[in-house]
């Protein structure tokens, strides 16, 4: 066929120098009808999706990731502050850990044991005989000693340090309650036992092996509002027996009690609850007190272990603080977003 402009099946009807017309999705070509438009990659190649559509699809995901990261870092300081505040409140009012630095309570408590002290229990019940209590001796055994700084800033720093257990109060002690207010506590009976209101205590379950109930004789009626406390390692414990010349005649104020030591948490091999020994459950102990005797006790031998307990690191207050902080942080975030909307 001649050069008539008709499509001959081998080349298009336009010449090499002619401009290529813009094709739509289909293009009518003389002699062929409608054919697919060329792809963006060339004739006969696979058609690619529009670049704009890809960008639009990826944009939401790309925007979400940085937004989430910004939200996390914005909320983290709030979470930490709430957790620290809650931990401080828990440590101050609920539970606190202490380290045992001396042997005055052996073998019930050994050197380097860590115990948790319940600060709520005495708001729900009275102090019981046999309780192991942590108390502040600054108004009794250590009366007249130089006291820590009382300014608000120093106290705030001490409290914050106490959350992680690095503060050190030299006037905090741990002993076992033997006599309650009004009890007549005597040592020793004809069998060498400590008696309370005339009832002998069987102390073998907690006394240090080989120790006598006391090497010093005493007879005291515990003043109202006070407690008579002793260590379980009687041969070395500098307890109420050694402080008869101090305010209270060796007894300590109930108001000075910080809380009840109820569990050993470290080392794990010694983890156990500190229950009240059975001898303190005798019904006769609560009978009418015997006639009051002299409150002055006689000590024949000097004792040497009155080392205070110390606050120690414990994850409990901080862990509980974070547990409480997570929902509080979530709620305040929800409230803030709602206000914005």
Protein backbone atom coordinates (compact mmCIF):
# COMPACT_ATOMS: atom_id res chain seq x y z
CA UNK A 1 0.00 0.00 0.00
CA UNK A 2 1.18 3.48 -0.61
CA UNK A 3 1.73 6.28 1.83
CA UNK A 4 -1.98 7.03 2.13
CA UNK A 5 -2.04 7.75 5.82
CA UNK A 6 -3.86 4.49 6.55
CA UNK A 7 -2.52 2.26 9.38
CA UNK A 8 -0.54 -0.53 7.71
CA UNK A 9 -0.14 -2.70 10.85
CA UNK A 10 3.59 -1.92 11.24
CA UNK A 11 3.75 1.73 12.21
CA UNK A 12 1.39 4.46 13.37
CA UNK A 13 -0.17 6.84 10.91
CA UNK A 14 2.02 9.69 12.05
CA UNK A 15 5.55 10.22 10.98
CA UNK A 16 8.68 10.01 13.16
CA UNK A 17 8.89 13.75 13.40
CA UNK A 18 5.26 14.24 14.24
CA UNK A 19 4.45 14.99 17.91
CA UNK A 20 2.96 12.09 19.88
CA UNK A 21 -0.60 12.92 20.81
CA UNK A 22 -1.57 12.76 24.51
CA UNK A 23 -3.41 9.54 25.18
CA UNK A 24 -6.13 9.05 27.73
CA UNK A 25 -7.06 5.72 29.27
CA UNK A 26 -7.97 4.54 25.76
CA UNK A 27 -7.25 6.07 22.39
CA UNK A 28 -9.02 5.47 19.12
CA UNK A 29 -6.50 4.61 16.46
CA UNK A 30 -7.54 4.30 12.81
CA UNK A 31 -7.79 0.69 11.78
CA UNK A 32 -7.35 -0.64 15.36
CA UNK A 33 -10.20 0.78 17.35
CA UNK A 34 -9.65 1.62 21.03
CA UNK A 35 -6.34 0.49 22.61
CA UNK A 36 -5.01 1.00 26.18
CA UNK A 37 -2.99 4.10 26.78
CA UNK A 38 0.75 3.65 27.34
CA UNK A 39 1.87 3.30 30.95
CA UNK A 40 4.05 5.81 32.72
CA UNK A 41 7.00 3.49 32.29
CA UNK A 42 6.70 3.22 28.52
CA UNK A 43 4.76 1.40 25.93
CA UNK A 44 3.51 -2.02 26.95
CA UNK A 45 4.93 -1.64 30.52
CA UNK A 46 3.03 -2.17 33.78
CA UNK A 47 0.96 0.79 34.87
CA UNK A 48 2.16 2.43 38.13
CA UNK A 49 -0.21 3.98 40.69
CA UNK A 50 -0.13 7.75 40.80
CA UNK A 51 2.59 9.07 43.09
CA UNK A 52 0.16 11.47 44.74
CA UNK A 53 -2.09 8.61 45.82
CA UNK A 54 0.86 6.85 47.47
CA UNK A 55 1.80 9.99 49.34
CA UNK A 56 -1.77 10.48 50.53
CA UNK A 57 -1.97 6.89 51.80
CA UNK A 58 1.35 7.08 53.65
CA UNK A 59 0.74 10.51 55.14
CA UNK A 60 -1.60 9.46 58.00
CA UNK A 61 0.76 6.72 59.27
CA UNK A 62 3.77 9.02 58.99
CA UNK A 63 1.94 11.65 61.00
CA UNK A 64 0.74 9.25 63.70
CA UNK A 65 4.17 7.91 64.73
CA UNK A 66 5.80 11.26 65.59
CA UNK A 67 2.57 12.37 67.28
CA UNK A 68 2.56 9.28 69.49
CA UNK A 69 6.22 9.79 70.37
CA UNK A 70 5.61 13.42 71.25
CA UNK A 71 2.63 12.37 73.40
CA UNK A 72 4.72 9.79 75.28
CA UNK A 73 7.54 12.21 76.11
CA UNK A 74 5.03 14.86 77.10
CA UNK A 75 3.28 12.52 79.54
CA UNK A 76 6.44 10.91 81.01
CA UNK A 77 7.37 13.82 83.34
CA UNK A 78 3.78 13.93 84.60
CA UNK A 79 3.89 10.18 85.27
CA UNK A 80 7.18 10.47 87.19
CA UNK A 81 5.99 13.38 89.32
CA UNK A 82 2.71 11.64 90.23
CA UNK A 83 4.60 8.41 91.02
CA UNK A 84 7.05 10.23 93.31
CA UNK A 85 4.25 12.02 95.14
CA UNK A 86 2.33 8.78 95.64
CA UNK A 87 5.51 6.96 96.73
CA UNK A 88 6.20 9.72 99.26
CA UNK A 89 2.68 9.43 100.66
CA UNK A 90 2.93 5.62 100.83
CA UNK A 91 6.30 5.78 102.57
CA UNK A 92 5.08 8.42 105.03
CA UNK A 93 1.70 6.94 105.91
CA UNK A 94 1.49 3.30 104.78
CA UNK A 95 4.65 1.18 104.59
CA UNK A 96 8.40 1.73 104.87
CA UNK A 97 11.48 -0.48 104.70
CA UNK A 98 14.23 -0.54 107.34
CA UNK A 99 17.67 -2.15 107.50
CA UNK A 100 18.82 -4.02 110.62
CA UNK A 101 22.44 -2.98 111.42
CA UNK A 102 22.89 -4.74 114.77
CA UNK A 103 22.34 -8.05 116.52
CA UNK A 104 20.04 -6.86 119.30
CA UNK A 105 17.05 -8.72 117.81
CA UNK A 106 18.83 -11.94 116.83
CA UNK A 107 17.88 -14.54 115.83
CA UNK A 108 14.46 -13.12 114.96
CA UNK A 109 16.14 -10.37 112.96
CA UNK A 110 19.72 -10.75 111.81
CA UNK A 111 22.26 -8.14 110.78
CA UNK A 112 21.53 -6.85 107.25
CA UNK A 113 17.94 -8.08 107.22
CA UNK A 114 15.44 -5.76 105.54
CA UNK A 115 11.99 -5.47 107.09
CA UNK A 116 8.77 -3.75 106.06
CA UNK A 117 7.00 -1.65 108.67
CA UNK A 118 3.22 -1.24 108.58
CA UNK A 119 2.31 2.34 109.53
CA UNK A 120 -1.45 1.88 109.23
CA UNK A 121 -2.04 -1.04 111.58
CA UNK A 122 -2.12 1.00 114.81
CA UNK A 123 -4.83 3.21 113.37
CA UNK A 124 -7.04 0.12 113.19
CA UNK A 125 -5.99 -1.72 116.36
CA UNK A 126 -4.02 -1.12 119.55
CA UNK A 127 -0.41 -2.19 120.10
CA UNK A 128 -0.18 -5.79 121.30
CA UNK A 129 2.33 -7.50 123.55
CA UNK A 130 4.77 -9.39 121.37
CA UNK A 131 4.62 -6.90 118.48
CA UNK A 132 7.97 -5.92 117.00
CA UNK A 133 7.81 -2.14 116.74
CA UNK A 134 9.94 0.56 115.16
CA UNK A 135 9.95 3.77 117.19
CA UNK A 136 11.55 7.19 117.50
CA UNK A 137 13.70 7.44 120.61
CA UNK A 138 14.38 11.17 120.32
CA UNK A 139 11.89 12.01 123.11
CA UNK A 140 12.89 9.20 125.47
CA UNK A 141 16.12 7.25 125.11
CA UNK A 142 17.86 10.02 123.17
CA UNK A 143 16.30 13.00 124.93
CA UNK A 144 18.85 15.79 125.18
CA UNK A 145 20.85 14.60 122.17
CA UNK A 146 21.39 17.02 119.26
CA UNK A 147 18.36 16.83 117.01
CA UNK A 148 18.37 16.94 113.18
CA UNK A 149 17.65 20.23 111.45
CA UNK A 150 13.99 21.14 111.71
CA UNK A 151 13.73 23.58 108.79
CA UNK A 152 11.14 22.73 106.15
CA UNK A 153 13.66 22.37 103.31
CA UNK A 154 15.79 19.83 105.22
CA UNK A 155 12.71 17.83 106.16
CA UNK A 156 11.50 17.81 102.55
CA UNK A 157 14.90 16.56 101.33
CA UNK A 158 14.95 13.85 104.02
CA UNK A 159 11.49 12.68 103.02
CA UNK A 160 12.37 12.53 99.33
CA UNK A 161 15.59 10.67 100.12
CA UNK A 162 13.57 8.29 102.27
CA UNK A 163 11.54 7.23 99.23
CA UNK A 164 14.61 5.37 97.94
CA UNK A 165 15.88 4.60 101.44
CA UNK A 166 19.13 6.58 101.60
CA UNK A 167 18.36 8.80 104.59
CA UNK A 168 19.70 7.86 108.02
CA UNK A 169 17.88 8.80 111.24
CA UNK A 170 20.07 7.93 114.27
CA UNK A 171 17.12 7.85 116.70
CA UNK A 172 15.02 5.08 115.18
CA UNK A 173 15.00 1.72 117.04
CA UNK A 174 13.38 -1.70 116.71
CA UNK A 175 12.40 -3.84 119.75
CA UNK A 176 9.71 -6.26 120.94
CA UNK A 177 6.86 -5.01 123.12
CA UNK A 178 6.85 -6.84 126.47
CA UNK A 179 4.64 -4.60 128.63
CA UNK A 180 1.68 -2.35 127.84
CA UNK A 181 0.54 0.69 129.86
CA UNK A 182 -0.24 -0.38 133.43
CA UNK A 183 1.48 -3.79 133.11
CA UNK A 184 3.69 -4.93 135.98
CA UNK A 185 6.82 -6.37 134.36
CA UNK A 186 9.27 -8.27 136.59
CA UNK A 187 12.45 -10.24 136.21
CA UNK A 188 12.98 -12.69 137.36
CA UNK A 189 10.63 -15.33 138.76
CA UNK A 190 11.89 -18.28 140.81
CA UNK A 191 12.30 -20.10 137.50
CA UNK A 192 14.28 -17.23 135.98
CA UNK A 193 11.44 -16.05 133.72
CA UNK A 194 10.13 -12.58 132.89
CA UNK A 195 6.60 -12.16 134.22
CA UNK A 196 3.87 -9.76 133.13
CA UNK A 197 1.08 -9.19 135.64
CA UNK A 198 2.32 -12.29 137.46
CA UNK A 199 2.13 -14.49 134.31
CA UNK A 200 5.42 -16.09 133.24
CA UNK A 201 6.47 -15.73 129.61
CA UNK A 202 7.79 -18.75 127.75
CA UNK A 203 10.29 -17.03 125.45
CA UNK A 204 12.35 -19.90 124.07
CA UNK A 205 10.78 -19.56 120.60
CA UNK A 206 12.34 -16.14 119.99
CA UNK A 207 15.17 -15.61 122.50
CA UNK A 208 18.72 -15.89 121.17
CA UNK A 209 19.93 -19.45 121.85
CA UNK A 210 21.68 -19.70 125.23
CA UNK A 211 20.39 -16.30 126.47
CA UNK A 212 18.66 -15.98 129.83
CA UNK A 213 15.45 -13.88 129.80
CA UNK A 214 17.50 -11.21 131.59
CA UNK A 215 20.74 -11.03 133.50
CA UNK A 216 19.46 -7.94 135.28
CA UNK A 217 16.65 -7.88 137.81
CA UNK A 218 13.92 -5.27 137.52
CA UNK A 219 10.37 -4.61 138.60
CA UNK A 220 8.42 -1.85 136.87
CA UNK A 221 4.84 -0.79 136.36
CA UNK A 222 4.66 0.65 132.87
CA UNK A 223 3.41 4.28 133.02
CA UNK A 224 0.19 5.24 131.24
CA UNK A 225 0.80 5.89 127.55
CA UNK A 226 4.15 4.05 127.58
CA UNK A 227 5.56 0.66 126.52
CA UNK A 228 8.25 -1.61 127.98
CA UNK A 229 10.36 -2.99 125.10
CA UNK A 230 13.22 -5.49 124.96
CA UNK A 231 15.43 -7.04 122.30
CA UNK A 232 15.40 -10.78 121.57
CA UNK A 233 19.18 -11.04 122.03
CA UNK A 234 18.95 -10.12 125.70
CA UNK A 235 22.67 -10.44 126.48
CA UNK A 236 23.57 -7.54 124.15
CA UNK A 237 20.35 -5.58 123.71
CA UNK A 238 20.44 -2.04 125.07
CA UNK A 239 16.69 -1.75 125.60
CA UNK A 240 14.27 -0.48 128.28
CA UNK A 241 16.43 -2.11 130.96
CA UNK A 242 19.35 0.12 130.05
CA UNK A 243 17.41 3.39 129.99
CA UNK A 244 15.86 3.50 133.44
CA UNK A 245 17.56 6.84 134.05
CA UNK A 246 16.00 8.39 130.95
CA UNK A 247 12.56 10.06 130.72
CA UNK A 248 9.93 7.37 131.21
CA UNK A 249 12.17 5.17 133.34
CA UNK A 250 13.18 3.12 130.31
CA UNK A 251 9.70 2.89 128.80
CA UNK A 252 8.96 4.58 125.49
CA UNK A 253 5.88 6.64 124.54
CA UNK A 254 3.23 4.89 122.50
CA UNK A 255 3.08 8.06 120.42
CA UNK A 256 6.71 7.49 119.37
CA UNK A 257 5.87 4.20 117.63
CA UNK A 258 6.25 4.51 113.85
CA UNK A 259 4.75 1.14 113.00
CA UNK A 260 4.87 -2.63 113.30
CA UNK A 261 7.56 -4.69 111.55
CA UNK A 262 5.54 -7.46 109.94
CA UNK A 263 7.73 -9.16 107.34
CA UNK A 264 11.37 -9.77 106.42
CA UNK A 265 11.76 -9.02 102.71
CA UNK A 266 15.53 -9.52 102.29
CA UNK A 267 17.47 -11.72 101.94
CA UNK A 268 14.98 -13.92 100.11
CA UNK A 269 16.20 -17.00 101.99
CA UNK A 270 14.93 -15.41 105.24
CA UNK A 271 11.66 -13.99 103.93
CA UNK A 272 9.00 -14.60 106.58
CA UNK A 273 6.17 -12.92 108.47
CA UNK A 274 6.88 -11.67 111.99
CA UNK A 275 3.97 -13.10 113.95
CA UNK A 276 3.22 -12.61 117.65
CA UNK A 277 4.62 -15.54 119.71
CA UNK A 278 2.01 -17.76 121.35
CA UNK A 279 3.12 -16.93 124.90
CA UNK A 280 1.68 -13.41 124.55
CA UNK A 281 -1.76 -14.84 123.80
CA UNK A 282 -2.25 -16.13 127.36
CA UNK A 283 -5.62 -14.83 128.64
CA UNK A 284 -4.26 -14.21 132.14
CA UNK A 285 -1.98 -11.47 130.80
CA UNK A 286 -4.99 -9.21 130.45
CA UNK A 287 -6.20 -9.81 134.00
CA UNK A 288 -6.08 -7.02 136.54
CA UNK A 289 -2.56 -5.70 136.98
CA UNK A 290 -0.67 -6.56 140.11
CA UNK A 291 0.01 -3.82 142.61
CA UNK A 292 2.36 -1.22 141.22
CA UNK A 293 5.98 -1.67 142.19
CA UNK A 294 8.85 0.77 142.09
CA UNK A 295 9.44 2.14 138.58
CA UNK A 296 13.17 2.27 139.16
CA UNK A 297 14.97 -0.82 137.81
CA UNK A 298 18.39 -2.00 138.90
CA UNK A 299 20.89 -2.90 136.20
CA UNK A 300 23.92 -4.91 137.35
CA UNK A 301 25.64 -5.22 133.98
CA UNK A 302 26.13 -2.61 131.27
CA UNK A 303 24.64 -3.59 127.92
CA UNK A 304 26.16 -2.56 124.62
CA UNK A 305 23.79 -2.84 121.68
CA UNK A 306 21.36 -0.01 121.15
CA UNK A 307 22.24 0.60 117.51
CA UNK A 308 19.34 2.28 115.71
CA UNK A 309 17.76 0.70 112.66
CA UNK A 310 18.11 2.58 109.40
CA UNK A 311 15.88 3.29 106.48
CA UNK A 312 16.80 1.16 103.50
CA UNK A 313 16.11 0.87 99.80
CA UNK A 314 12.81 -0.77 99.00
CA UNK A 315 10.99 -0.84 95.67
CA UNK A 316 7.62 -1.15 97.39
CA UNK A 317 6.65 2.55 97.86
CA UNK A 318 8.01 3.54 94.45
CA UNK A 319 6.44 0.54 92.70
CA UNK A 320 3.07 1.26 94.31
CA UNK A 321 3.51 4.90 93.34
CA UNK A 322 3.95 4.01 89.66
CA UNK A 323 1.02 1.58 89.81
CA UNK A 324 -1.17 4.40 91.04
CA UNK A 325 0.38 6.99 88.74
CA UNK A 326 -0.42 5.19 85.47
CA UNK A 327 -4.23 5.44 85.70
CA UNK A 328 -4.04 8.97 87.15
CA UNK A 329 -1.82 10.10 84.26
CA UNK A 330 -4.18 8.46 81.76
CA UNK A 331 -7.20 10.19 83.30
CA UNK A 332 -5.60 13.62 83.32
CA UNK A 333 -4.56 13.15 79.67
CA UNK A 334 -8.11 12.21 78.71
CA UNK A 335 -9.45 15.23 80.56
CA UNK A 336 -6.98 17.55 78.81
CA UNK A 337 -7.87 16.18 75.36
CA UNK A 338 -11.58 16.54 76.13
CA UNK A 339 -11.08 20.20 77.08
CA UNK A 340 -9.25 20.84 73.84
CA UNK A 341 -12.07 19.34 71.78
